[in-house]
Amino acid sequence: MEEINEEIKETQKVLKEEQKDKKVVEKFSNKISGSFIFLFFVFLISAVTGSFFGFWAARIPESLSAKNFFFSQDKKFNSNNSIKKEEKAVAPLVSDEQLLKEEALIISSVEKASNSVVSIVVTKDMPKFESFFDDPFFDDPFFNPFGFRQRKPTPENDDKTEKREIGGGTGFIVDANGYIVTNRHVVSDEEADYTVIFNDGEKISAQVLATDSFLDVAILKVDKSNLPALTFGDSDQLKAGQTVIAIGNSLGEFRNTVSKGIISGLKRNIEAGDGFQRSESLEEVIQTDAAINPGNSGGPLLNLYGQVIGVNVAMAQGAENIGFAIPANQVKQIYQTVKETGKIARPYLGVRYVILNKAIQKENNLDYDYGALIVRGDKITDLAVLPNSPADKAGILENDIILEVDGKKITAENDLASTIRKKKVGDSLNLKIFSKGKVKNVTVILEEAK
């Protein structure tokens, strides 16, 4: 019986040990399963992350560091709004299509104008010279040890002359019947002869019909018809920044030289010289950065449609890309007057004046800070109102203030002289005048300046 009990106890002990081992095995099995799952997820995450960064690394220039890359990516992916802002910042202002369109317009304008732009050659009878040899420095052997003789020019005979080219410029055809516009200073010598050279090389003698010293404009005529003429654009509608094209006979030898630029400014007042101690004041001219070189004088300044919006007249000495042109509307008026009457008929009002401003108003206790105050000049003969002038006939008096012309205020930007210059002889003007403490309207008919 005791032996049986011992066997039972031994059996129970063995069973307990087996159960204990079974639990250890189950626990170990569970650990292995958990580790396997963990390793699987680690591998999966690593694969996805590696693919992601590998893709972006292939799209980044090698010159960028990892630091810069992550910094830029953080900026880009912070929000959709930041992406939109960045896209707007780098977006081009002008599309490729617009650039190509502008280029095509420039080429078309140049092709259209090239046959209408001419070179003007100035020739004159000059004394003929012969050469003779003379010893320099009074035959002193110290200065001329080898006995060389110097060639010197001297007048051959007072009666002998030869035709020589003394200058040149540019012009452009404005009428099929041979009317040509250029600058007055190009054809200012009354004793010289002027020859027009067309784009095909043909040369024709030109007659100077009229010159205008106020605007530095001249009208020429050649005996030829069916010529390609340029048309005038409206220079009153010009804007700063507008693209323009200048064409001219640069340096007197490079015909139809083309330069492109923009309008840099409007209504400039300049003092222009010709290099011979002569100068003239030009008002309300166009400033451009299109290259204008010697020989370009009198050439057209064109818009993108090939219309003349100015006449090249001067360049700033000692500066780069500062040129000037006379507005087309003023030139057109002169040309039409010459064509109709054969001369330049300039309208005038017949008053001397001072443009008012706040400082003058305050100093003299005046009623207005704008307008043209009619005053005398410095000399006793400088009357405020010229006798028998249009102003005198209309009853305008000294100390009157012309406030408006045809409804537009007279100011420093729109002064009286420039307003009258835009009118024609015979035009009727409605003036608003402050006279003897009262405002009244006066009608004036402009006459031709003598």
Protein backbone atom coordinates (compact mmCIF):
# COMPACT_ATOMS: atom_id res chain seq x y z
CA MET A 1 0.00 0.00 0.00
CA GLU A 2 2.81 2.37 0.85
CA GLU A 3 4.51 1.51 -2.41
CA ILE A 4 1.36 2.41 -4.31
CA ASN A 5 1.13 5.76 -2.55
CA GLU A 6 4.75 6.49 -3.42
CA GLU A 7 4.13 5.74 -7.08
CA ILE A 8 1.07 8.06 -7.09
CA LYS A 9 3.09 10.88 -5.56
CA GLU A 10 5.87 10.34 -8.08
CA THR A 11 3.38 10.39 -10.92
CA GLN A 12 1.81 13.61 -9.68
CA LYS A 13 5.26 15.22 -9.41
CA VAL A 14 6.07 14.28 -12.98
CA LEU A 15 2.74 15.70 -14.21
CA LYS A 16 3.44 18.99 -12.42
CA GLU A 17 6.84 19.23 -14.07
CA GLU A 18 5.32 18.55 -17.47
CA GLN A 19 2.71 21.24 -16.97
CA LYS A 20 5.38 23.70 -15.92
CA ASP A 21 7.47 22.95 -19.01
CA LYS A 22 4.41 23.31 -21.19
CA LYS A 23 3.77 26.81 -19.82
CA VAL A 24 7.38 27.81 -20.47
CA VAL A 25 7.15 26.53 -24.02
CA GLU A 26 3.87 28.43 -24.61
CA LYS A 27 5.35 31.60 -23.17
CA PHE A 28 8.47 31.27 -25.35
CA SER A 29 6.31 30.59 -28.39
CA ASN A 30 4.32 33.73 -27.73
CA LYS A 31 7.52 35.76 -27.49
CA ILE A 32 8.78 34.42 -30.80
CA SER A 33 5.48 35.24 -32.51
CA GLY A 34 5.49 38.84 -31.12
CA SER A 35 9.08 39.42 -32.23
CA PHE A 36 8.37 38.13 -35.69
CA ILE A 37 5.41 40.50 -36.08
CA PHE A 38 7.48 43.42 -34.76
CA LEU A 39 10.33 42.68 -37.15
CA PHE A 40 7.90 42.42 -40.04
CA PHE A 41 6.44 45.88 -39.38
CA VAL A 42 9.91 47.39 -38.94
CA PHE A 43 10.94 45.97 -42.31
CA LEU A 44 7.74 47.25 -43.95
CA ILE A 45 8.18 50.81 -42.59
CA SER A 46 11.84 50.85 -43.60
CA ALA A 47 10.99 49.82 -47.16
CA VAL A 48 8.32 52.51 -47.56
CA THR A 49 10.50 55.24 -46.03
CA GLY A 50 13.48 54.28 -48.16
CA SER A 51 11.41 54.38 -51.33
CA PHE A 52 9.98 57.79 -50.45
CA PHE A 53 13.33 59.45 -49.77
CA GLY A 54 14.96 57.71 -52.70
CA PHE A 55 12.32 59.17 -55.01
CA TRP A 56 12.83 62.75 -53.77
CA ALA A 57 16.62 62.41 -53.66
CA ALA A 58 16.60 61.68 -57.40
CA ARG A 59 14.80 64.98 -58.02
CA ILE A 60 17.14 67.24 -56.05
CA PRO A 61 20.37 68.67 -57.56
CA GLU A 62 23.49 67.12 -56.12
CA SER A 63 24.77 70.57 -55.15
CA LEU A 64 22.05 70.86 -52.47
CA SER A 65 22.92 69.59 -49.02
CA ALA A 66 20.59 67.38 -47.03
CA LYS A 67 20.04 70.25 -44.65
CA ASN A 68 18.91 72.59 -47.41
CA PHE A 69 16.74 69.88 -48.91
CA PHE A 70 14.78 69.24 -45.72
CA PHE A 71 14.52 72.94 -45.01
CA SER A 72 13.10 73.70 -48.47
CA GLN A 73 10.73 70.75 -48.31
CA ASP A 74 9.43 71.91 -44.95
CA LYS A 75 8.74 75.34 -46.44
CA LYS A 76 6.97 73.87 -49.45
CA PHE A 77 4.82 71.36 -47.59
CA ASN A 78 3.78 73.53 -44.67
CA SER A 79 0.55 74.48 -46.38
CA ASN A 80 -1.13 74.72 -49.74
CA ASN A 81 -1.25 78.51 -49.38
CA SER A 82 2.54 78.78 -49.24
CA ILE A 83 2.80 76.76 -52.47
CA LYS A 84 0.40 79.11 -54.23
CA LYS A 85 2.29 82.19 -53.02
CA GLU A 86 5.59 80.78 -54.24
CA GLU A 87 4.13 79.95 -57.65
CA LYS A 88 2.82 83.52 -58.00
CA ALA A 89 6.19 85.00 -57.07
CA VAL A 90 8.12 83.23 -59.81
CA ALA A 91 5.45 83.37 -62.51
CA PRO A 92 6.73 85.31 -65.62
CA LEU A 93 5.12 88.71 -66.24
CA VAL A 94 5.20 88.22 -70.02
CA SER A 95 4.51 84.91 -71.71
CA ASP A 96 6.63 83.48 -74.51
CA GLU A 97 3.70 84.05 -76.83
CA GLN A 98 3.61 87.76 -75.97
CA LEU A 99 7.37 88.10 -76.50
CA LEU A 100 7.14 86.46 -79.90
CA LYS A 101 4.24 88.73 -80.82
CA GLU A 102 6.22 91.86 -79.86
CA GLU A 103 9.24 90.64 -81.82
CA ALA A 104 7.05 90.02 -84.87
CA LEU A 105 5.58 93.54 -84.57
CA ILE A 106 9.06 95.09 -84.40
CA ILE A 107 10.24 93.21 -87.47
CA SER A 108 7.05 94.13 -89.34
CA SER A 109 7.38 97.82 -88.39
CA VAL A 110 11.01 97.97 -89.52
CA GLU A 111 10.23 96.26 -92.83
CA LYS A 112 7.33 98.64 -93.40
CA ALA A 113 9.37 101.75 -92.62
CA SER A 114 12.75 100.90 -94.16
CA ASN A 115 11.83 102.02 -97.70
CA SER A 116 10.39 105.27 -96.37
CA VAL A 117 13.51 106.32 -94.42
CA VAL A 118 16.08 108.26 -96.46
CA SER A 119 19.60 109.60 -95.97
CA ILE A 120 20.24 113.29 -96.52
CA VAL A 121 23.68 114.34 -97.76
CA VAL A 122 24.81 117.96 -97.43
CA THR A 123 27.29 119.22 -100.05
CA LYS A 124 28.76 122.65 -100.63
CA ASP A 125 31.23 124.46 -102.86
CA MET A 126 34.44 124.74 -100.86
CA PRO A 127 37.82 126.32 -101.75
CA LYS A 128 40.04 123.94 -103.67
CA PHE A 129 43.39 123.19 -102.05
CA GLU A 130 46.74 122.19 -103.54
CA SER A 131 49.72 120.79 -101.63
CA PHE A 132 53.27 122.06 -101.54
CA PHE A 133 56.40 121.08 -99.62
CA ASP A 134 57.88 123.26 -96.92
CA ASP A 135 60.66 122.74 -94.37
CA PRO A 136 59.34 122.63 -90.83
CA PHE A 137 60.60 124.87 -88.06
CA PHE A 138 62.18 127.40 -90.47
CA ASP A 139 64.73 124.92 -91.90
CA ASP A 140 66.41 124.52 -88.51
CA PRO A 141 68.67 121.40 -88.85
CA PHE A 142 68.29 120.70 -85.14
CA PHE A 143 64.60 119.91 -85.65
CA ASN A 144 65.05 118.40 -89.13
CA PRO A 145 68.44 116.63 -89.22
CA PHE A 146 67.44 114.36 -92.13
CA GLY A 147 66.08 117.13 -94.37
CA PHE A 148 62.51 115.79 -94.55
CA ARG A 149 60.01 118.15 -96.11
CA GLN A 150 56.43 118.59 -94.91
CA ARG A 151 53.37 118.67 -97.21
CA LYS A 152 51.09 121.61 -96.44
CA PRO A 153 47.73 122.52 -97.96
CA THR A 154 47.17 126.01 -99.30
CA PRO A 155 44.44 127.62 -101.39
CA GLU A 156 45.25 126.99 -105.05
CA ASN A 157 43.27 129.93 -106.34
CA ASP A 158 40.55 132.10 -104.83
CA ASP A 159 38.32 131.42 -107.83
CA LYS A 160 38.58 127.62 -107.75
CA THR A 161 36.18 125.56 -105.65
CA GLU A 162 35.14 121.96 -105.41
CA LYS A 163 31.95 120.22 -104.27
CA ARG A 164 32.49 118.51 -100.96
CA GLU A 165 30.29 116.65 -98.52
CA ILE A 166 30.07 118.62 -95.28
CA GLY A 167 27.32 116.88 -93.35
CA GLY A 168 24.34 114.58 -93.34
CA GLY A 169 21.29 113.34 -91.55
CA THR A 170 18.11 111.34 -91.90
CA GLY A 171 14.61 112.02 -93.15
CA PHE A 172 11.43 110.12 -93.89
CA ILE A 173 8.75 110.29 -96.57
CA VAL A 174 5.34 111.54 -95.40
CA ASP A 175 3.63 111.89 -98.77
CA ALA A 176 3.73 109.77 -101.93
CA ASN A 177 4.40 112.92 -103.98
CA GLY A 178 7.82 113.51 -102.47
CA TYR A 179 7.35 115.41 -99.18
CA ILE A 180 10.06 114.55 -96.66
CA VAL A 181 10.41 115.50 -92.97
CA THR A 182 13.78 116.07 -91.28
CA ASN A 183 15.35 118.40 -88.68
CA ARG A 184 15.96 122.06 -89.43
CA HIS A 185 19.56 121.83 -88.23
CA VAL A 186 20.25 119.15 -90.88
CA VAL A 187 19.39 121.62 -93.70
CA SER A 188 20.18 124.95 -92.02
CA ASP A 189 22.88 126.07 -94.50
CA GLU A 190 21.13 128.12 -97.19
CA GLU A 191 24.17 127.95 -99.48
CA ALA A 192 24.47 124.16 -99.40
CA ASP A 193 22.91 121.57 -101.67
CA TYR A 194 20.90 118.63 -100.35
CA THR A 195 20.66 115.18 -101.86
CA VAL A 196 18.27 112.45 -100.77
CA ILE A 197 19.50 108.85 -100.98
CA PHE A 198 16.73 106.27 -101.02
CA ASN A 199 16.98 102.77 -99.60
CA ASP A 200 17.68 101.30 -103.06
CA GLY A 201 20.62 103.68 -103.55
CA GLU A 202 18.88 106.16 -105.86
CA LYS A 203 20.00 109.78 -105.38
CA ILE A 204 17.73 112.79 -106.02
CA SER A 205 18.30 116.48 -105.38
CA ALA A 206 15.97 117.91 -102.73
CA GLN A 207 14.45 121.38 -102.27
CA VAL A 208 13.99 122.84 -98.77
CA LEU A 209 10.41 124.15 -98.68
CA ALA A 210 10.27 125.44 -95.10
CA THR A 211 12.10 125.34 -91.78
CA ASP A 212 10.76 125.88 -88.27
CA SER A 213 13.33 127.07 -85.75
CA PHE A 214 10.89 126.70 -82.84
CA LEU A 215 10.56 122.94 -83.26
CA ASP A 216 13.73 122.15 -85.29
CA VAL A 217 11.65 120.74 -88.14
CA ALA A 218 12.13 121.11 -91.90
CA ILE A 219 10.04 120.02 -94.87
CA LEU A 220 11.83 118.93 -98.08
CA LYS A 221 10.49 118.04 -101.50
CA VAL A 222 11.90 115.74 -104.20
CA ASP A 223 10.66 115.46 -107.77
CA LYS A 224 9.41 111.90 -107.56
CA SER A 225 5.99 110.29 -107.10
CA ASN A 226 4.49 107.00 -105.93
CA LEU A 227 6.83 106.94 -102.93
CA PRO A 228 6.13 104.76 -99.86
CA ALA A 229 4.99 107.15 -97.13
CA LEU A 230 4.83 106.66 -93.38
CA THR A 231 1.75 107.60 -91.37
CA PHE A 232 1.62 109.64 -88.17
CA GLY A 233 0.44 108.18 -84.87
CA ASP A 234 -1.13 110.14 -82.01
CA SER A 235 1.74 111.36 -79.80
CA ASP A 236 -0.73 112.71 -77.21
CA GLN A 237 -1.58 109.11 -76.27
CA LEU A 238 1.98 108.00 -75.51
CA LYS A 239 2.83 106.38 -72.16
CA ALA A 240 6.12 106.01 -70.33
CA GLY A 241 7.42 102.46 -70.80
CA GLN A 242 5.93 102.07 -74.28
CA THR A 243 8.17 100.26 -76.78
CA VAL A 244 9.57 102.45 -79.57
CA ILE A 245 11.88 101.97 -82.57
CA ALA A 246 14.37 104.49 -83.97
CA ILE A 247 15.66 104.28 -87.55
CA GLY A 248 18.36 106.49 -89.03
CA ASN A 249 21.57 107.05 -90.95
CA SER A 250 23.90 106.46 -87.99
CA LEU A 251 27.26 108.25 -88.15
CA GLY A 252 26.41 109.27 -91.69
CA GLU A 253 27.34 105.90 -93.17
CA PHE A 254 25.19 103.13 -91.68
CA ARG A 255 21.87 103.59 -93.42
CA ASN A 256 18.65 102.30 -91.86
CA THR A 257 20.26 101.49 -88.52
CA VAL A 258 17.56 100.18 -86.18
CA SER A 259 17.52 100.55 -82.40
CA LYS A 260 14.79 99.60 -79.95
CA GLY A 261 13.90 101.07 -76.58
CA ILE A 262 11.11 102.52 -74.52
CA ILE A 263 9.70 105.95 -73.82
CA SER A 264 11.62 107.11 -70.76
CA GLY A 265 9.75 110.37 -70.22
CA LEU A 266 7.33 112.86 -71.77
CA LYS A 267 7.14 116.65 -72.05
CA ARG A 268 10.84 117.25 -71.42
CA ASN A 269 12.27 120.75 -71.96
CA ILE A 270 15.86 120.73 -73.21
CA GLU A 271 18.57 123.03 -74.56
CA ALA A 272 19.96 121.39 -77.70
CA GLY A 273 23.26 122.36 -79.36
CA ASP A 274 24.74 121.48 -82.74
CA GLY A 275 28.41 121.51 -81.76
CA PHE A 276 29.06 124.90 -83.42
CA GLN A 277 28.23 127.16 -80.48
CA ARG A 278 24.60 127.26 -81.60
CA SER A 279 21.74 126.06 -79.44
CA GLU A 280 17.98 126.09 -79.29
CA SER A 281 15.33 125.45 -76.67
CA LEU A 282 12.98 122.56 -77.35
CA GLU A 283 9.83 122.09 -75.30
CA GLU A 284 7.69 119.05 -74.54
CA VAL A 285 9.94 116.57 -76.34
CA ILE A 286 9.86 112.79 -75.89
CA GLN A 287 12.71 111.15 -73.99
CA THR A 288 13.72 107.63 -75.06
CA ASP A 289 16.50 105.15 -74.32
CA ALA A 290 16.52 103.92 -77.94
CA ALA A 291 20.02 104.66 -79.27
CA ILE A 292 20.13 107.93 -81.23
CA ASN A 293 23.55 108.60 -82.74
CA PRO A 294 25.01 111.39 -84.88
CA GLY A 295 23.37 111.10 -88.29
CA ASN A 296 20.07 109.89 -86.80
CA SER A 297 18.76 113.47 -86.65
CA GLY A 298 15.51 113.78 -88.56
CA GLY A 299 14.75 110.07 -88.54
CA PRO A 300 11.44 108.63 -87.34
CA LEU A 301 10.65 107.30 -83.89
CA LEU A 302 8.07 104.56 -84.47
CA ASN A 303 5.57 102.64 -82.38
CA LEU A 304 5.07 98.89 -82.79
CA TYR A 305 2.59 99.47 -85.61
CA GLY A 306 5.07 101.37 -87.77
CA GLN A 307 3.48 104.76 -87.14
CA VAL A 308 5.61 107.86 -86.60
CA ILE A 309 5.17 109.11 -83.03
CA GLY A 310 8.24 111.39 -83.01
CA VAL A 311 11.16 112.84 -84.97
CA ASN A 312 14.60 112.11 -83.52
CA VAL A 313 16.30 115.40 -82.75
CA ALA A 314 19.01 115.16 -80.09
CA MET A 315 20.97 113.02 -77.66
CA ALA A 316 22.37 113.87 -74.23
CA GLN A 317 26.13 114.38 -74.27
CA GLY A 318 28.09 112.50 -71.62
CA ALA A 319 25.25 110.10 -70.90
CA GLU A 320 24.07 106.74 -72.17
CA ASN A 321 20.67 105.93 -73.64
CA ILE A 322 19.18 109.41 -73.33
CA GLY A 323 17.74 110.64 -76.60
CA PHE A 324 14.96 113.03 -77.53
CA ALA A 325 12.31 113.26 -80.23
CA ILE A 326 9.82 115.95 -81.30
CA PRO A 327 6.20 114.77 -80.81
CA ALA A 328 4.53 113.65 -84.03
CA ASN A 329 1.37 115.73 -83.58
CA GLN A 330 3.37 118.97 -83.74
CA VAL A 331 5.34 117.78 -86.78
CA LYS A 332 2.20 116.64 -88.57
CA GLN A 333 0.64 120.06 -88.16
CA ILE A 334 3.71 121.78 -89.64
CA TYR A 335 3.80 119.39 -92.61
CA GLN A 336 0.10 119.90 -93.38
CA THR A 337 0.48 123.69 -93.20
CA VAL A 338 3.44 123.62 -95.60
CA LYS A 339 1.63 121.31 -98.00
CA GLU A 340 -1.47 123.53 -98.04
CA THR A 341 0.16 126.98 -98.03
CA GLY A 342 3.77 126.39 -99.03
CA LYS A 343 5.07 127.88 -95.78
CA ILE A 344 4.98 127.46 -92.01
CA ALA A 345 2.19 129.64 -90.62
CA ARG A 346 2.50 129.86 -86.84
CA PRO A 347 -0.50 131.16 -84.84
CA TYR A 348 -0.04 133.71 -82.08
CA LEU A 349 -2.14 135.38 -79.37
CA GLY A 350 0.00 138.47 -78.66
CA VAL A 351 0.52 138.57 -74.88
CA ARG A 352 3.38 138.35 -72.37
CA TYR A 353 2.57 136.38 -69.26
CA VAL A 354 3.72 134.57 -66.13
CA ILE A 355 2.31 131.19 -65.12
CA LEU A 356 0.89 131.44 -61.60
CA ASN A 357 1.51 129.02 -58.73
CA LYS A 358 0.90 128.98 -54.97
CA ALA A 359 4.11 130.91 -54.20
CA ILE A 360 3.29 133.77 -56.61
CA GLN A 361 -0.31 133.82 -55.41
CA LYS A 362 0.76 134.12 -51.77
CA GLU A 363 3.45 136.74 -52.47
CA ASN A 364 1.08 138.99 -54.46
CA ASN A 365 -2.20 138.20 -52.69
CA LEU A 366 -3.85 136.99 -55.89
CA ASP A 367 -7.20 135.23 -56.24
CA TYR A 368 -5.85 132.23 -58.19
CA ASP A 369 -2.82 129.95 -57.98
CA TYR A 370 -3.09 128.91 -61.64
CA GLY A 371 -3.50 130.62 -64.98
CA ALA A 372 -1.44 133.05 -67.10
CA LEU A 373 -1.04 136.51 -65.58
CA ILE A 374 -0.65 139.13 -68.36
CA VAL A 375 2.38 141.30 -67.47
CA ARG A 376 4.92 143.63 -69.08
CA GLY A 377 8.47 142.55 -69.96
CA ASP A 378 11.73 143.92 -68.57
CA LYS A 379 12.08 146.65 -71.21
CA ILE A 380 9.75 149.60 -71.60
CA THR A 381 8.98 148.40 -75.12
CA ASP A 382 7.96 144.92 -73.89
CA LEU A 383 4.23 145.54 -73.70
CA ALA A 384 1.90 143.12 -71.91
CA VAL A 385 -0.51 143.02 -74.86
CA LEU A 386 0.80 143.64 -78.39
CA PRO A 387 -1.16 146.35 -80.23
CA ASN A 388 -3.53 145.07 -82.92
CA SER A 389 -2.86 141.46 -81.88
CA PRO A 390 -5.65 138.85 -81.51
CA ALA A 391 -5.52 139.41 -77.73
CA ASP A 392 -5.81 143.20 -78.16
CA LYS A 393 -8.75 142.79 -80.52
CA ALA A 394 -10.48 140.53 -77.98
CA GLY A 395 -10.11 143.15 -75.22
CA ILE A 396 -7.55 141.33 -73.05
CA LEU A 397 -5.78 143.75 -70.69
CA GLU A 398 -2.60 143.90 -68.63
CA ASN A 399 -3.02 142.13 -65.23
CA ASP A 400 -5.83 139.93 -66.57
CA ILE A 401 -5.47 136.24 -65.74
CA ILE A 402 -6.23 133.71 -68.48
CA LEU A 403 -7.60 130.82 -66.41
CA GLU A 404 -8.68 128.36 -69.11
CA VAL A 405 -8.43 127.79 -72.85
CA ASP A 406 -11.28 125.75 -74.35
CA GLY A 407 -12.17 124.42 -70.91
CA LYS A 408 -8.64 123.35 -69.89
CA LYS A 409 -6.80 125.04 -67.02
CA ILE A 410 -3.58 126.89 -67.80
CA THR A 411 -0.84 125.50 -65.53
CA ALA A 412 2.89 124.82 -65.62
CA GLU A 413 2.12 121.42 -67.18
CA ASN A 414 -0.33 122.93 -69.70
CA ASP A 415 1.03 126.41 -70.29
CA LEU A 416 -0.36 129.01 -72.66
CA ALA A 417 2.42 128.87 -75.29
CA SER A 418 2.19 125.10 -75.79
CA THR A 419 -1.59 125.35 -75.99
CA ILE A 420 -1.44 128.02 -78.72
CA ARG A 421 1.29 126.11 -80.59
CA LYS A 422 -1.07 123.16 -81.06
CA LYS A 423 -3.63 125.36 -82.80
CA LYS A 424 -3.82 126.61 -86.39
CA VAL A 425 -4.07 130.07 -87.87
CA GLY A 426 -7.76 131.01 -87.95
CA ASP A 427 -8.75 128.77 -85.02
CA SER A 428 -11.27 130.25 -82.59
CA LEU A 429 -10.47 129.89 -78.88
CA ASN A 430 -12.76 130.29 -75.88
CA LEU A 431 -10.83 131.93 -73.03
CA LYS A 432 -11.97 132.07 -69.41
CA ILE A 433 -10.47 135.26 -67.95
CA PHE A 434 -10.36 136.89 -64.51
CA SER A 435 -10.41 140.63 -65.21
CA LYS A 436 -10.92 143.48 -62.71
CA GLY A 437 -12.39 141.19 -60.06
CA LYS A 438 -14.79 139.36 -62.38
CA VAL A 439 -14.67 136.13 -64.41
CA LYS A 440 -15.72 136.41 -68.05
CA ASN A 441 -15.51 134.38 -71.26
CA VAL A 442 -13.77 135.83 -74.31
CA THR A 443 -13.53 134.51 -77.87
CA VAL A 444 -10.21 134.96 -79.68
CA ILE A 445 -9.40 134.17 -83.34
CA LEU A 446 -5.73 133.30 -83.81
CA GLU A 447 -3.71 135.03 -86.52
CA GLU A 448 -0.44 134.25 -88.27
CA ALA A 449 2.71 135.40 -86.48
CA LYS A 450 4.68 137.92 -88.52
